[in-house]
Amino acid sequence: MKNLLKLTASFGLILLFSACTATIEDYTIENESVAAPLNPPCDNEDPKTRVVNNGTVSFNLEVLTADGSTVVSILNIPPNSTTSWASFSENEVMFSLKGSNFNVADDKVLIQMDNCMAYEIEVNGSNEIVSYVPTIL
């Protein structure tokens, strides 16, 4: 009698687990078309820039040409934020990043920006630029 109770309980558990087992027939696999590449090649696009401000103060970004014309101006970039990409014509330009606090040094970088180039300016937690090299798209 003792064994019959254990056998009945074991049989009930086996039946319960076998009813919950999934088989390969329960699932269908659909063929999906190959998606477009995530980063399509650049097609003579204007250069662009943005600021990643991981610092503790707001910054202003100005991109200036050799004759002093402002081609990009992004003001009051708050801490812990990233701006949108801003495009401009290819040229040798000066990137001027100024902090809103007098204790933060201003930084200027002169770069020849050609088409299909991007310059992401990253500010670290100490309010210093840590990226000085643009990338080719």
C-alpha atoms as a PDB file:
ATOM      1  CA  MET A   1       0.000   0.000   0.000  1.00  0.00           C
ATOM      2  CA  LYS A   2       2.812   2.376   0.875  1.00  0.00           C
ATOM      3  CA  ASN A   3       4.474   1.805  -2.484  1.00  0.00           C
ATOM      4  CA  LEU A   4       1.186   2.243  -4.346  1.00  0.00           C
ATOM      5  CA  LEU A   5       0.789   5.776  -2.920  1.00  0.00           C
ATOM      6  CA  LYS A   6       4.361   6.710  -3.892  1.00  0.00           C
ATOM      7  CA  LEU A   7       3.874   5.176  -7.339  1.00  0.00           C
ATOM      8  CA  THR A   8       0.651   7.129  -7.884  1.00  0.00           C
ATOM      9  CA  ALA A   9       2.297  10.413  -6.826  1.00  0.00           C
ATOM     10  CA  SER A  10       5.315   9.747  -9.080  1.00  0.00           C
ATOM     11  CA  PHE A  11       3.065   8.847 -12.016  1.00  0.00           C
ATOM     12  CA  GLY A  12       1.092  12.088 -11.491  1.00  0.00           C
ATOM     13  CA  LEU A  13       4.293  14.176 -11.537  1.00  0.00           C
ATOM     14  CA  ILE A  14       5.566  12.441 -14.668  1.00  0.00           C
ATOM     15  CA  LEU A  15       2.240  13.057 -16.387  1.00  0.00           C
ATOM     16  CA  LEU A  16       2.288  16.724 -15.323  1.00  0.00           C
ATOM     17  CA  PHE A  17       5.820  17.330 -16.663  1.00  0.00           C
ATOM     18  CA  SER A  18       5.246  15.486 -19.910  1.00  0.00           C
ATOM     19  CA  ALA A  19       2.164  17.606 -20.627  1.00  0.00           C
ATOM     20  CA  CYS A  20       4.266  20.799 -20.334  1.00  0.00           C
ATOM     21  CA  THR A  21       7.090  19.732 -22.603  1.00  0.00           C
ATOM     22  CA  ALA A  22       7.364  21.697 -25.817  1.00  0.00           C
ATOM     23  CA  THR A  23       8.339  20.024 -29.045  1.00  0.00           C
ATOM     24  CA  ILE A  24       9.901  21.496 -32.173  1.00  0.00           C
ATOM     25  CA  GLU A  25       6.553  21.192 -33.937  1.00  0.00           C
ATOM     26  CA  ASP A  26       5.112  23.741 -31.503  1.00  0.00           C
ATOM     27  CA  TYR A  27       7.229  26.502 -33.007  1.00  0.00           C
ATOM     28  CA  THR A  28       7.401  27.885 -36.493  1.00  0.00           C
ATOM     29  CA  ILE A  29      10.468  29.515 -37.961  1.00  0.00           C
ATOM     30  CA  GLU A  30       9.922  32.254 -40.471  1.00  0.00           C
ATOM     31  CA  ASN A  31      12.485  33.312 -43.008  1.00  0.00           C
ATOM     32  CA  GLU A  32      13.164  37.015 -42.712  1.00  0.00           C
ATOM     33  CA  SER A  33      14.740  39.088 -45.416  1.00  0.00           C
ATOM     34  CA  VAL A  34      18.192  40.448 -44.756  1.00  0.00           C
ATOM     35  CA  ALA A  35      17.960  43.939 -43.263  1.00  0.00           C
ATOM     36  CA  ALA A  36      19.875  46.907 -44.614  1.00  0.00           C
ATOM     37  CA  PRO A  37      23.248  47.498 -42.974  1.00  0.00           C
ATOM     38  CA  LEU A  38      23.135  49.578 -39.794  1.00  0.00           C
ATOM     39  CA  ASN A  39      25.719  52.054 -41.058  1.00  0.00           C
ATOM     40  CA  PRO A  40      25.341  52.541 -44.802  1.00  0.00           C
ATOM     41  CA  PRO A  41      28.422  53.960 -46.503  1.00  0.00           C
ATOM     42  CA  CYS A  42      28.705  57.733 -46.617  1.00  0.00           C
ATOM     43  CA  ASP A  43      27.684  59.317 -49.904  1.00  0.00           C
ATOM     44  CA  ASN A  44      29.496  62.671 -49.922  1.00  0.00           C
ATOM     45  CA  GLU A  45      27.608  63.900 -46.829  1.00  0.00           C
ATOM     46  CA  ASP A  46      28.575  67.139 -45.108  1.00  0.00           C
ATOM     47  CA  PRO A  47      30.765  66.855 -42.005  1.00  0.00           C
ATOM     48  CA  LYS A  48      28.947  66.884 -38.689  1.00  0.00           C
ATOM     49  CA  THR A  49      29.560  67.334 -34.985  1.00  0.00           C
ATOM     50  CA  ARG A  50      27.896  66.812 -31.641  1.00  0.00           C
ATOM     51  CA  VAL A  51      28.771  67.141 -27.957  1.00  0.00           C
ATOM     52  CA  VAL A  52      28.539  64.446 -25.292  1.00  0.00           C
ATOM     53  CA  ASN A  53      28.602  66.360 -22.010  1.00  0.00           C
ATOM     54  CA  ASN A  54      29.444  64.013 -19.147  1.00  0.00           C
ATOM     55  CA  GLY A  55      30.695  66.995 -17.139  1.00  0.00           C
ATOM     56  CA  THR A  56      29.196  68.898 -14.244  1.00  0.00           C
ATOM     57  CA  VAL A  57      28.595  72.287 -15.946  1.00  0.00           C
ATOM     58  CA  SER A  58      26.863  73.508 -19.100  1.00  0.00           C
ATOM     59  CA  PHE A  59      28.891  74.154 -22.269  1.00  0.00           C
ATOM     60  CA  ASN A  60      28.531  76.239 -25.420  1.00  0.00           C
ATOM     61  CA  LEU A  61      29.860  74.939 -28.736  1.00  0.00           C
ATOM     62  CA  GLU A  62      30.735  77.166 -31.673  1.00  0.00           C
ATOM     63  CA  VAL A  63      32.198  75.965 -34.944  1.00  0.00           C
ATOM     64  CA  LEU A  64      33.974  78.801 -36.768  1.00  0.00           C
ATOM     65  CA  THR A  65      35.558  79.073 -40.214  1.00  0.00           C
ATOM     66  CA  ALA A  66      38.940  80.732 -40.853  1.00  0.00           C
ATOM     67  CA  ASP A  67      37.252  84.086 -41.542  1.00  0.00           C
ATOM     68  CA  GLY A  68      35.437  83.947 -38.181  1.00  0.00           C
ATOM     69  CA  SER A  69      32.001  82.993 -39.492  1.00  0.00           C
ATOM     70  CA  THR A  70      29.980  80.808 -37.150  1.00  0.00           C
ATOM     71  CA  VAL A  71      28.671  77.704 -38.943  1.00  0.00           C
ATOM     72  CA  VAL A  72      27.348  75.861 -35.855  1.00  0.00           C
ATOM     73  CA  SER A  73      26.274  77.294 -32.521  1.00  0.00           C
ATOM     74  CA  ILE A  74      24.847  75.072 -29.775  1.00  0.00           C
ATOM     75  CA  LEU A  75      24.297  76.939 -26.521  1.00  0.00           C
ATOM     76  CA  ASN A  76      23.716  75.755 -22.955  1.00  0.00           C
ATOM     77  CA  ILE A  77      24.470  72.050 -23.369  1.00  0.00           C
ATOM     78  CA  PRO A  78      23.466  70.748 -19.929  1.00  0.00           C
ATOM     79  CA  PRO A  79      25.507  68.209 -17.922  1.00  0.00           C
ATOM     80  CA  ASN A  80      24.820  64.530 -18.658  1.00  0.00           C
ATOM     81  CA  SER A  81      23.349  65.176 -22.088  1.00  0.00           C
ATOM     82  CA  THR A  82      24.157  64.622 -25.764  1.00  0.00           C
ATOM     83  CA  THR A  83      23.283  67.065 -28.529  1.00  0.00           C
ATOM     84  CA  SER A  84      21.907  66.149 -31.928  1.00  0.00           C
ATOM     85  CA  TRP A  85      24.308  66.013 -34.866  1.00  0.00           C
ATOM     86  CA  ALA A  86      24.854  69.407 -36.532  1.00  0.00           C
ATOM     87  CA  SER A  87      26.067  69.501 -40.152  1.00  0.00           C
ATOM     88  CA  PHE A  88      28.141  72.145 -41.891  1.00  0.00           C
ATOM     89  CA  SER A  89      30.085  72.551 -45.161  1.00  0.00           C
ATOM     90  CA  GLU A  90      33.516  71.018 -45.481  1.00  0.00           C
ATOM     91  CA  ASN A  91      36.239  73.431 -44.427  1.00  0.00           C
ATOM     92  CA  GLU A  92      39.036  73.946 -41.940  1.00  0.00           C
ATOM     93  CA  VAL A  93      37.085  74.879 -38.823  1.00  0.00           C
ATOM     94  CA  MET A  94      37.753  75.759 -35.214  1.00  0.00           C
ATOM     95  CA  PHE A  95      35.708  73.974 -32.596  1.00  0.00           C
ATOM     96  CA  SER A  96      35.351  76.232 -29.546  1.00  0.00           C
ATOM     97  CA  LEU A  97      33.908  74.671 -26.413  1.00  0.00           C
ATOM     98  CA  LYS A  98      33.335  77.048 -23.501  1.00  0.00           C
ATOM     99  CA  GLY A  99      32.207  76.044 -20.036  1.00  0.00           C
ATOM    100  CA  SER A 100      29.644  78.085 -18.120  1.00  0.00           C
ATOM    101  CA  ASN A 101      31.858  78.075 -15.040  1.00  0.00           C
ATOM    102  CA  PHE A 102      34.969  80.286 -14.824  1.00  0.00           C
ATOM    103  CA  ASN A 103      36.913  77.411 -13.221  1.00  0.00           C
ATOM    104  CA  VAL A 104      36.509  75.346 -16.407  1.00  0.00           C
ATOM    105  CA  ALA A 105      39.104  75.961 -19.116  1.00  0.00           C
ATOM    106  CA  ASP A 106      37.862  76.785 -22.602  1.00  0.00           C
ATOM    107  CA  ASP A 107      39.164  74.541 -25.349  1.00  0.00           C
ATOM    108  CA  LYS A 108      39.704  75.222 -29.046  1.00  0.00           C
ATOM    109  CA  VAL A 109      40.555  72.632 -31.695  1.00  0.00           C
ATOM    110  CA  LEU A 110      41.388  73.387 -35.348  1.00  0.00           C
ATOM    111  CA  ILE A 111      40.521  70.527 -37.740  1.00  0.00           C
ATOM    112  CA  GLN A 112      40.191  70.157 -41.503  1.00  0.00           C
ATOM    113  CA  MET A 113      36.703  68.658 -41.787  1.00  0.00           C
ATOM    114  CA  ASP A 114      35.952  67.036 -45.134  1.00  0.00           C
ATOM    115  CA  ASN A 115      32.768  65.390 -46.341  1.00  0.00           C
ATOM    116  CA  CYS A 116      31.988  62.070 -44.654  1.00  0.00           C
ATOM    117  CA  MET A 117      33.664  63.094 -41.389  1.00  0.00           C
ATOM    118  CA  ALA A 118      32.173  63.348 -37.910  1.00  0.00           C
ATOM    119  CA  TYR A 119      33.633  64.886 -34.762  1.00  0.00           C
ATOM    120  CA  GLU A 120      32.033  63.806 -31.513  1.00  0.00           C
ATOM    121  CA  ILE A 121      33.341  66.044 -28.745  1.00  0.00           C
ATOM    122  CA  GLU A 122      33.223  64.225 -25.422  1.00  0.00           C
ATOM    123  CA  VAL A 123      33.549  66.033 -22.095  1.00  0.00           C
ATOM    124  CA  ASN A 124      34.483  63.875 -19.088  1.00  0.00           C
ATOM    125  CA  GLY A 125      33.395  64.191 -15.446  1.00  0.00           C
ATOM    126  CA  SER A 126      36.270  66.624 -14.795  1.00  0.00           C
ATOM    127  CA  ASN A 127      34.886  68.967 -17.501  1.00  0.00           C
ATOM    128  CA  GLU A 128      37.766  68.269 -19.902  1.00  0.00           C
ATOM    129  CA  ILE A 129      37.561  67.291 -23.569  1.00  0.00           C
ATOM    130  CA  VAL A 130      38.740  63.705 -23.996  1.00  0.00           C
ATOM    131  CA  SER A 131      38.249  63.334 -27.752  1.00  0.00           C
ATOM    132  CA  TYR A 132      40.297  65.214 -30.322  1.00  0.00           C
ATOM    133  CA  VAL A 133      40.125  62.978 -33.382  1.00  0.00           C
ATOM    134  CA  PRO A 134      37.240  63.021 -35.887  1.00  0.00           C
ATOM    135  CA  THR A 135      36.065  59.791 -37.468  1.00  0.00           C
ATOM    136  CA  ILE A 136      35.570  58.910 -41.126  1.00  0.00           C
ATOM    137  CA  LEU A 137      32.027  57.781 -41.895  1.00  0.00           C
END
